[in-house]
Protein backbone atom coordinates (compact mmCIF):
# COMPACT_ATOMS: atom_id res chain seq x y z
CA UNK A 1 143.31 122.28 101.27
CA UNK A 2 140.40 124.52 102.22
CA UNK A 3 141.57 128.02 103.25
CA UNK A 4 141.00 127.69 107.01
CA UNK A 5 142.41 131.14 107.86
CA UNK A 6 139.32 132.74 106.34
CA UNK A 7 137.18 131.44 109.20
CA UNK A 8 139.62 130.60 112.03
CA UNK A 9 142.37 132.39 113.95
CA UNK A 10 144.63 129.34 114.21
CA UNK A 11 144.53 125.80 112.92
CA UNK A 12 146.47 122.54 112.77
CA UNK A 13 145.72 119.77 110.27
CA UNK A 14 147.40 116.39 110.72
CA UNK A 15 147.05 113.66 108.13
CA UNK A 16 148.21 110.10 108.83
CA UNK A 17 148.30 107.30 106.31
CA UNK A 18 149.40 103.94 107.68
CA UNK A 19 149.77 100.44 106.39
CA UNK A 20 150.21 97.65 108.93
CA UNK A 21 150.83 93.92 108.66
CA UNK A 22 150.34 91.41 111.45
CA UNK A 23 151.77 87.90 111.52
CA UNK A 24 150.49 85.63 114.26
CA UNK A 25 151.95 82.30 115.37
CA UNK A 26 150.84 79.74 117.94
CA UNK A 27 151.76 76.13 118.82
CA UNK A 28 155.18 77.13 117.42
CA UNK A 29 153.71 77.44 113.94
CA UNK A 30 152.97 80.48 111.81
CA UNK A 31 149.27 81.13 111.42
CA UNK A 32 148.05 84.01 109.27
CA UNK A 33 149.13 87.40 107.97
CA UNK A 34 146.65 90.26 108.17
CA UNK A 35 146.89 93.70 106.58
CA UNK A 36 145.29 97.06 107.41
CA UNK A 37 145.31 100.37 105.61
CA UNK A 38 144.13 103.52 107.33
CA UNK A 39 143.97 107.17 106.39
CA UNK A 40 142.80 109.78 108.87
CA UNK A 41 142.81 113.56 109.09
CA UNK A 42 142.68 115.41 112.44
CA UNK A 43 141.73 119.08 112.51
CA UNK A 44 142.23 121.50 115.41
CA UNK A 45 140.42 124.80 114.84
CA UNK A 46 140.70 127.87 117.08
CA UNK A 47 138.50 130.95 116.91
CA UNK A 48 137.78 133.72 119.41
CA UNK A 49 139.30 131.80 122.29
CA UNK A 50 137.61 128.49 121.58
CA UNK A 51 139.26 125.27 120.36
CA UNK A 52 137.46 122.41 118.68
CA UNK A 53 138.89 119.25 117.16
CA UNK A 54 137.53 116.39 115.07
CA UNK A 55 138.81 113.65 112.81
CA UNK A 56 137.79 112.39 109.39
CA UNK A 57 138.38 108.82 108.23
CA UNK A 58 139.38 108.44 104.56
CA UNK A 59 139.09 112.21 104.05
CA UNK A 60 138.05 113.96 100.88
CA UNK A 61 137.18 117.61 100.30
CA UNK A 62 133.45 117.09 100.84
CA UNK A 63 133.86 115.21 104.15
CA UNK A 64 136.29 117.82 105.47
CA UNK A 65 134.00 120.69 104.44
CA UNK A 66 131.02 119.14 106.22
CA UNK A 67 133.13 118.55 109.34
CA UNK A 68 134.22 122.19 109.39
CA UNK A 69 130.64 123.39 109.02
CA UNK A 70 129.53 121.23 111.97
CA UNK A 71 132.48 122.45 114.03
CA UNK A 72 131.55 126.10 113.46
CA UNK A 73 127.99 125.44 114.68
CA UNK A 74 129.21 123.67 117.83
CA UNK A 75 131.82 126.33 118.69
CA UNK A 76 129.23 128.67 120.13
CA UNK A 77 128.35 126.09 122.80
CA UNK A 78 131.80 125.17 124.14
CA UNK A 79 133.77 126.96 126.88
CA UNK A 80 136.87 129.03 126.03
CA UNK A 81 140.38 127.66 126.47
CA UNK A 82 143.88 128.85 125.71
CA UNK A 83 145.71 127.54 122.64
CA UNK A 84 149.23 128.59 121.71
CA UNK A 85 150.94 127.51 118.52
CA UNK A 86 154.71 127.82 118.70
CA UNK A 87 157.28 127.75 115.94
CA UNK A 88 160.55 125.83 115.65
CA UNK A 89 161.52 124.25 112.34
CA UNK A 90 165.06 122.93 112.85
CA UNK A 91 163.95 119.43 112.00
CA UNK A 92 166.34 116.53 112.69
CA UNK A 93 165.86 113.41 110.62
CA UNK A 94 168.62 110.91 111.39
CA UNK A 95 166.23 108.12 112.33
CA UNK A 96 166.22 104.79 110.53
CA UNK A 97 163.62 104.19 107.86
CA UNK A 98 163.10 100.69 106.45
CA UNK A 99 161.40 100.84 103.07
CA UNK A 100 161.02 97.03 103.17
CA UNK A 101 159.30 96.97 106.57
CA UNK A 102 156.15 95.38 105.07
CA UNK A 103 157.87 92.68 103.01
CA UNK A 104 156.00 89.38 103.50
CA UNK A 105 159.07 87.20 102.97
CA UNK A 106 161.05 89.15 105.57
CA UNK A 107 158.19 88.98 108.06
CA UNK A 108 158.05 85.20 107.71
CA UNK A 109 161.82 84.93 108.03
CA UNK A 110 161.94 86.95 111.27
CA UNK A 111 159.02 85.03 112.81
CA UNK A 112 160.73 81.74 111.99
CA UNK A 113 163.93 83.00 113.65
CA UNK A 114 162.03 83.86 116.81
CA UNK A 115 160.22 80.51 116.94
CA UNK A 116 163.48 78.62 116.39
CA UNK A 117 165.20 80.55 119.16
CA UNK A 118 162.24 80.04 121.48
CA UNK A 119 162.29 76.26 121.02
CA UNK A 120 165.93 76.14 122.13
CA UNK A 121 164.63 76.93 125.63
CA UNK A 122 161.02 75.89 125.75
CA UNK A 123 158.44 73.42 124.60
CA UNK A 124 156.12 75.80 122.74
CA UNK A 125 155.88 79.41 121.62
CA UNK A 126 153.20 81.84 120.55
CA UNK A 127 153.23 85.49 119.62
CA UNK A 128 152.71 88.23 117.11
CA UNK A 129 154.86 90.30 114.78
CA UNK A 130 153.66 93.71 113.60
CA UNK A 131 155.21 96.00 111.02
CA UNK A 132 153.97 99.46 110.07
CA UNK A 133 154.81 102.15 107.54
CA UNK A 134 153.49 105.65 108.21
CA UNK A 135 153.25 108.75 106.08
CA UNK A 136 152.63 111.80 108.29
CA UNK A 137 151.75 115.28 107.01
CA UNK A 138 151.08 118.46 108.94
CA UNK A 139 149.90 121.94 107.99
CA UNK A 140 149.20 124.83 110.35
CA UNK A 141 148.40 128.52 110.48
CA UNK A 142 152.06 129.39 111.13
CA UNK A 143 152.87 128.35 107.57
CA UNK A 144 154.24 124.92 108.43
CA UNK A 145 153.63 122.35 105.70
CA UNK A 146 155.84 119.31 105.99
CA UNK A 147 155.94 115.54 105.80
CA UNK A 148 157.59 112.64 107.62
CA UNK A 149 157.96 108.94 106.84
CA UNK A 150 158.27 106.36 109.62
CA UNK A 151 158.65 102.61 109.95
CA UNK A 152 158.42 100.31 112.95
CA UNK A 153 158.44 96.61 113.72
CA UNK A 154 157.39 95.00 116.98
CA UNK A 155 157.66 91.35 118.06
CA UNK A 156 155.99 89.89 121.15
CA UNK A 157 156.62 86.23 121.95
CA UNK A 158 155.80 83.95 124.87
CA UNK A 159 157.74 80.75 125.52
CA UNK A 160 156.16 77.93 127.52
CA UNK A 161 158.36 75.52 129.47
CA UNK A 162 158.10 73.44 132.67
CA UNK A 163 154.57 74.77 133.24
CA UNK A 164 156.03 78.28 133.22
CA UNK A 165 156.00 81.12 130.73
CA UNK A 166 158.47 83.77 129.71
CA UNK A 167 157.52 86.85 127.72
CA UNK A 168 159.93 88.82 125.59
CA UNK A 169 159.62 91.66 123.11
CA UNK A 170 161.83 93.23 120.50
CA UNK A 171 161.12 96.39 118.56
CA UNK A 172 162.97 98.49 116.03
CA UNK A 173 162.49 100.87 113.13
CA UNK A 174 164.01 98.10 110.99
CA UNK A 175 162.62 94.63 110.38
CA UNK A 176 165.99 92.94 109.78
CA UNK A 177 167.01 90.66 112.69
CA UNK A 178 164.09 91.61 114.92
CA UNK A 179 163.65 87.91 115.67
CA UNK A 180 167.31 87.43 116.58
CA UNK A 181 167.74 88.51 120.21
CA UNK A 182 164.63 88.27 122.31
CA UNK A 183 165.54 86.16 125.32
CA UNK A 184 167.39 86.65 128.59
CA UNK A 185 169.50 83.51 128.54
CA UNK A 186 170.63 83.87 132.16
CA UNK A 187 167.13 83.29 133.50
CA UNK A 188 165.97 80.34 131.45
CA UNK A 189 168.15 77.84 133.32
CA UNK A 190 165.37 77.53 135.82
CA UNK A 191 165.48 75.69 139.15
CA UNK A 192 162.90 73.00 139.82
CA UNK A 193 161.87 74.23 143.27
CA UNK A 194 158.82 76.52 143.49
CA UNK A 195 157.14 78.38 146.31
CA UNK A 196 154.68 81.18 147.05
CA UNK A 197 156.27 84.37 148.25
CA UNK A 198 155.81 85.72 151.77
CA UNK A 199 154.75 89.33 152.23
CA UNK A 200 157.45 91.75 153.25
CA UNK A 201 160.11 94.07 151.89
CA UNK A 202 162.59 92.72 149.36
CA UNK A 203 165.31 93.99 147.12
CA UNK A 204 164.10 93.48 143.55
CA UNK A 205 166.00 93.03 140.30
CA UNK A 206 163.73 94.19 137.48
CA UNK A 207 164.43 93.10 133.91
CA UNK A 208 164.00 95.76 131.19
CA UNK A 209 160.50 94.36 130.47
CA UNK A 210 159.38 94.99 134.05
CA UNK A 211 161.29 98.24 134.67
CA UNK A 212 160.02 99.77 131.41
CA UNK A 213 156.45 99.39 132.66
CA UNK A 214 157.16 101.60 135.67
CA UNK A 215 159.21 104.12 133.69
CA UNK A 216 156.47 104.50 131.06
CA UNK A 217 154.06 105.62 133.79
CA UNK A 218 156.67 108.02 135.14
CA UNK A 219 157.07 109.54 131.65
CA UNK A 220 153.33 110.17 131.46
CA UNK A 221 153.40 111.75 134.94
CA UNK A 222 156.01 114.19 133.60
CA UNK A 223 153.51 115.68 131.12
CA UNK A 224 152.66 119.24 132.14
CA UNK A 225 149.01 118.49 131.39
CA UNK A 226 149.01 115.65 133.97
CA UNK A 227 150.66 117.99 136.49
CA UNK A 228 148.21 120.84 135.85
CA UNK A 229 145.23 118.47 136.01
CA UNK A 230 146.22 117.12 139.42
CA UNK A 231 147.12 113.66 138.13
CA UNK A 232 150.84 113.65 138.89
CA UNK A 233 152.98 113.22 141.99
CA UNK A 234 155.57 115.47 140.29
CA UNK A 235 153.61 118.68 140.95
CA UNK A 236 155.83 121.48 142.36
CA UNK A 237 158.92 119.24 142.29
CA UNK A 238 161.06 120.90 139.59
CA UNK A 239 164.57 121.22 141.01
CA UNK A 240 164.03 118.58 143.71
CA UNK A 241 165.15 114.96 144.02
CA UNK A 242 162.54 112.51 142.74
CA UNK A 243 164.87 109.55 142.05
CA UNK A 244 168.23 108.18 143.12
CA UNK A 245 171.39 109.90 141.93
CA UNK A 246 172.12 107.05 139.52
CA UNK A 247 168.92 107.86 137.58
CA UNK A 248 168.98 110.07 134.48
CA UNK A 249 165.87 109.92 132.30
CA UNK A 250 165.25 111.77 129.08
CA UNK A 251 162.65 111.94 126.36
CA UNK A 252 163.83 111.76 122.76
CA UNK A 253 161.86 112.33 119.60
CA UNK A 254 165.07 112.04 117.58
CA UNK A 255 166.34 108.63 118.77
CA UNK A 256 167.78 106.86 115.75
CA UNK A 257 166.03 103.54 116.42
CA UNK A 258 163.24 104.86 118.64
CA UNK A 259 160.02 103.56 117.16
CA UNK A 260 158.11 106.72 118.15
CA UNK A 261 160.74 109.13 116.81
CA UNK A 262 159.33 111.88 114.57
CA UNK A 263 160.61 115.02 112.87
CA UNK A 264 157.91 117.18 114.40
CA UNK A 265 155.21 117.10 117.04
CA UNK A 266 151.50 117.74 116.49
CA UNK A 267 152.08 121.51 116.35
CA UNK A 268 154.76 121.21 113.68
CA UNK A 269 157.48 121.96 116.28
CA UNK A 270 160.74 120.08 115.77
CA UNK A 271 161.24 117.23 118.24
CA UNK A 272 164.35 117.05 120.39
CA UNK A 273 166.09 115.34 123.30
CA UNK A 274 164.77 116.63 126.63
CA UNK A 275 166.30 115.69 129.99
CA UNK A 276 163.47 115.06 132.47
CA UNK A 277 165.56 113.77 135.39
CA UNK A 278 169.30 114.30 135.79
CA UNK A 279 171.16 112.48 138.57
CA UNK A 280 167.85 112.11 140.38
CA UNK A 281 166.73 115.75 140.09
CA UNK A 282 163.57 116.67 138.18
CA UNK A 283 164.61 119.18 135.52
CA UNK A 284 161.46 119.82 133.49
CA UNK A 285 158.01 118.67 132.54
CA UNK A 286 157.13 117.77 128.95
CA UNK A 287 155.48 120.71 127.22
CA UNK A 288 153.51 121.81 124.21
CA UNK A 289 153.33 125.54 123.43
CA UNK A 290 150.19 126.08 125.53
CA UNK A 291 151.55 124.49 128.72
CA UNK A 292 154.96 126.12 128.13
CA UNK A 293 153.36 129.59 128.19
CA UNK A 294 151.56 128.76 131.43
CA UNK A 295 154.81 127.53 133.03
CA UNK A 296 156.89 130.41 131.59
CA UNK A 297 159.26 128.17 129.64
CA UNK A 298 159.77 126.87 126.10
CA UNK A 299 157.97 123.97 124.49
CA UNK A 300 159.87 120.68 124.58
CA UNK A 301 158.31 119.59 121.27
CA UNK A 302 156.01 117.03 122.85
CA UNK A 303 152.58 118.12 121.53
CA UNK A 304 149.85 116.46 121.84
CA UNK A 305 147.77 119.56 121.10
CA UNK A 306 145.82 119.12 124.35
CA UNK A 307 148.25 117.05 126.40
CA UNK A 308 152.03 116.80 125.90
CA UNK A 309 153.11 113.18 125.35
CA UNK A 310 156.45 111.34 125.61
CA UNK A 311 158.07 110.01 122.44
CA UNK A 312 160.83 107.54 123.38
CA UNK A 313 161.78 107.48 127.07
CA UNK A 314 165.43 106.61 127.70
CA UNK A 315 166.99 105.63 131.03
CA UNK A 316 170.75 106.06 131.06
CA UNK A 317 172.46 102.75 131.77
CA UNK A 318 174.85 102.06 134.62
CA UNK A 319 178.12 100.18 135.02
CA UNK A 320 176.98 96.67 135.88
CA UNK A 321 176.61 93.35 134.11
CA UNK A 322 173.61 91.20 134.93
CA UNK A 323 175.58 88.51 136.75
CA UNK A 324 177.28 91.16 138.89
CA UNK A 325 173.90 92.52 139.95
CA UNK A 326 172.66 89.04 140.90
CA UNK A 327 175.84 88.27 142.84
CA UNK A 328 175.35 91.41 144.96
CA UNK A 329 171.91 90.31 146.20
CA UNK A 330 171.51 88.13 149.29
CA UNK A 331 167.71 87.95 149.66
CA UNK A 332 165.93 89.38 146.64
CA UNK A 333 163.36 88.79 143.93
CA UNK A 334 164.01 88.74 140.20
CA UNK A 335 160.88 89.96 138.40
CA UNK A 336 160.81 89.45 134.63
CA UNK A 337 157.49 91.16 133.82
CA UNK A 338 154.61 93.08 135.40
CA UNK A 339 151.12 94.03 134.33
CA UNK A 340 147.86 95.50 135.66
CA UNK A 341 149.76 98.48 137.07
CA UNK A 342 147.14 100.62 138.81
CA UNK A 343 147.49 103.84 140.80
CA UNK A 344 145.53 104.21 144.02
CA UNK A 345 146.52 107.87 144.26
CA UNK A 346 147.95 109.78 141.29
CA UNK A 347 148.94 112.77 143.39
CA UNK A 348 151.11 110.71 145.73
CA UNK A 349 152.19 108.00 143.27
CA UNK A 350 150.87 105.05 145.31
CA UNK A 351 150.38 102.04 143.05
CA UNK A 352 150.27 98.28 142.79
CA UNK A 353 151.26 95.92 140.01
CA UNK A 354 151.29 92.16 139.55
CA UNK A 355 154.32 90.10 138.56
CA UNK A 356 153.56 88.21 135.37
CA UNK A 357 155.37 85.17 133.95
CA UNK A 358 158.29 83.51 135.69
CA UNK A 359 159.92 85.15 138.74
CA UNK A 360 162.73 84.00 140.99
CA UNK A 361 164.05 84.17 144.53
CA UNK A 362 167.73 85.13 144.74
CA UNK A 363 169.65 83.86 147.79
CA UNK A 364 173.27 84.68 148.49
CA UNK A 365 173.96 85.81 144.95
CA UNK A 366 172.32 82.87 143.16
CA UNK A 367 168.89 82.15 141.66
CA UNK A 368 167.51 79.56 144.06
CA UNK A 369 163.85 78.90 143.24
CA UNK A 370 160.80 79.99 141.29
CA UNK A 371 158.37 82.17 143.24
CA UNK A 372 154.68 82.88 142.68
CA UNK A 373 151.96 85.20 143.94
CA UNK A 374 153.95 88.46 143.75
CA UNK A 375 152.24 91.83 143.91
CA UNK A 376 154.18 95.07 144.32
CA UNK A 377 152.34 97.60 146.50
CA UNK A 378 154.49 100.68 146.81
CA UNK A 379 155.03 104.30 145.80
CA UNK A 380 156.52 105.44 142.48
CA UNK A 381 158.78 108.11 143.94
CA UNK A 382 160.06 105.75 146.64
CA UNK A 383 160.78 103.09 144.00
CA UNK A 384 162.79 105.55 141.89
CA UNK A 385 164.70 106.86 144.91
CA UNK A 386 165.62 103.29 145.91
CA UNK A 387 167.20 102.37 142.56
CA UNK A 388 170.75 101.28 143.43
CA UNK A 389 172.26 99.58 140.38
CA UNK A 390 171.58 99.85 136.65
CA UNK A 391 172.99 97.60 133.97
CA UNK A 392 175.08 98.68 131.00
CA UNK A 393 172.67 96.84 128.72
CA UNK A 394 169.44 98.58 127.67
CA UNK A 395 166.59 97.31 125.58
CA UNK A 396 163.78 99.12 123.79
CA UNK A 397 160.49 97.88 125.22
CA UNK A 398 157.04 98.43 123.74
CA UNK A 399 153.91 96.31 124.08
CA UNK A 400 150.33 96.71 125.24
CA UNK A 401 151.44 97.26 128.86
CA UNK A 402 154.10 99.80 127.80
CA UNK A 403 152.22 102.13 125.47
CA UNK A 404 155.15 104.48 124.80
CA UNK A 405 158.54 102.89 124.05
CA UNK A 406 161.14 102.86 126.82
CA UNK A 407 164.86 102.14 126.50
CA UNK A 408 165.32 100.42 129.86
CA UNK A 409 168.23 98.72 131.65
CA UNK A 410 168.05 96.04 134.33
CA UNK A 411 167.53 97.78 137.67
CA UNK A 412 168.04 96.81 141.31
CA UNK A 413 165.58 98.54 143.64
CA UNK A 414 166.05 98.20 147.39
CA UNK A 415 163.36 97.62 150.00
CA UNK A 416 160.32 97.13 147.73
CA UNK A 417 156.99 96.39 149.44
CA UNK A 418 155.70 92.99 148.33
CA UNK A 419 152.20 91.74 149.04
CA UNK A 420 150.61 88.61 147.60
CA UNK A 421 148.01 87.81 144.99
CA UNK A 422 145.22 85.24 145.44
CA UNK A 423 146.55 81.73 145.03
């Protein structure tokens, strides 16, 4: 490595080498397997109060040297900013690592399991199975020089039946049995009757797929950078109630099967478990060393050099089984998935999102009919404060609408504002 301390006050160098395989299937048949290899180096260089960053694809000494020379020329033209680099090296590494995560035979086997299970309920299935192995290295001006190995597998599958669709995901740090449990059996015994929903306020039972979408946005709102930038409804709410008392939410970079678990963050700080909300009360924001100094607290090990980021968000489960939650509802909606979640006002938390895939009307404790045209138009804090029941069961959810993994239970939320989509 080039001696960066000769020319810079502080630095962080992150090198990622990944290998990913993708198996796609459609019409209930396996299509093709693709493979990608990527190697990238990110450099964060700090000198005389100015921070500059750049990345180099497939780095070698010459490319890195040229990048550093360009960075030094640009530094004179950028505004100053603060940059702290903390130190905590009590690394925890009890996460799973699957050395066979990229095995072609295993990928085919798990995809076949998922297709077979899907066809027990539906007429056709389509989806994708990804597996990735990552080698992560970091070096910084505090003398940190360490390495981490990670593996993850992610399955997304859609089942088509009775002119309806149901989407399920499964993800793990291990490939074995990822195709085994992907469906919510209770909801695939569908009624024949269908109707469009009327606008109004309803109690809503969210499946983990749907609830994880909302919680992933909440986790990003808890970043101190989002708060400081004016993009979070959590500003000035440390120590106040932002959710119901049954809600405890934490971030964990050390979750054994959390697919985003890592030994260290982008500063080289050891990751940890951080309670964000406890019994409804906001306890902390997520911090890197720079935001921690500003807020007069310690880093939570969530760097992001510029913006702290969540690793794996975990919602503590409750005491209920799914059938018990359904039986308690007299006039409610069961929403299996949402997408196109958009915020009209980040500072207040006002948002809307559209129910995707099959949804149901629950009457007097039973699923009575399929409903269409559902849009939720509400407020994030009000949603969290109206959570009444949480299931014992939790599932790890990650897909393109949930960009950071969430361990989510089923959740009953009272008095949700429902509008309608175009028919």
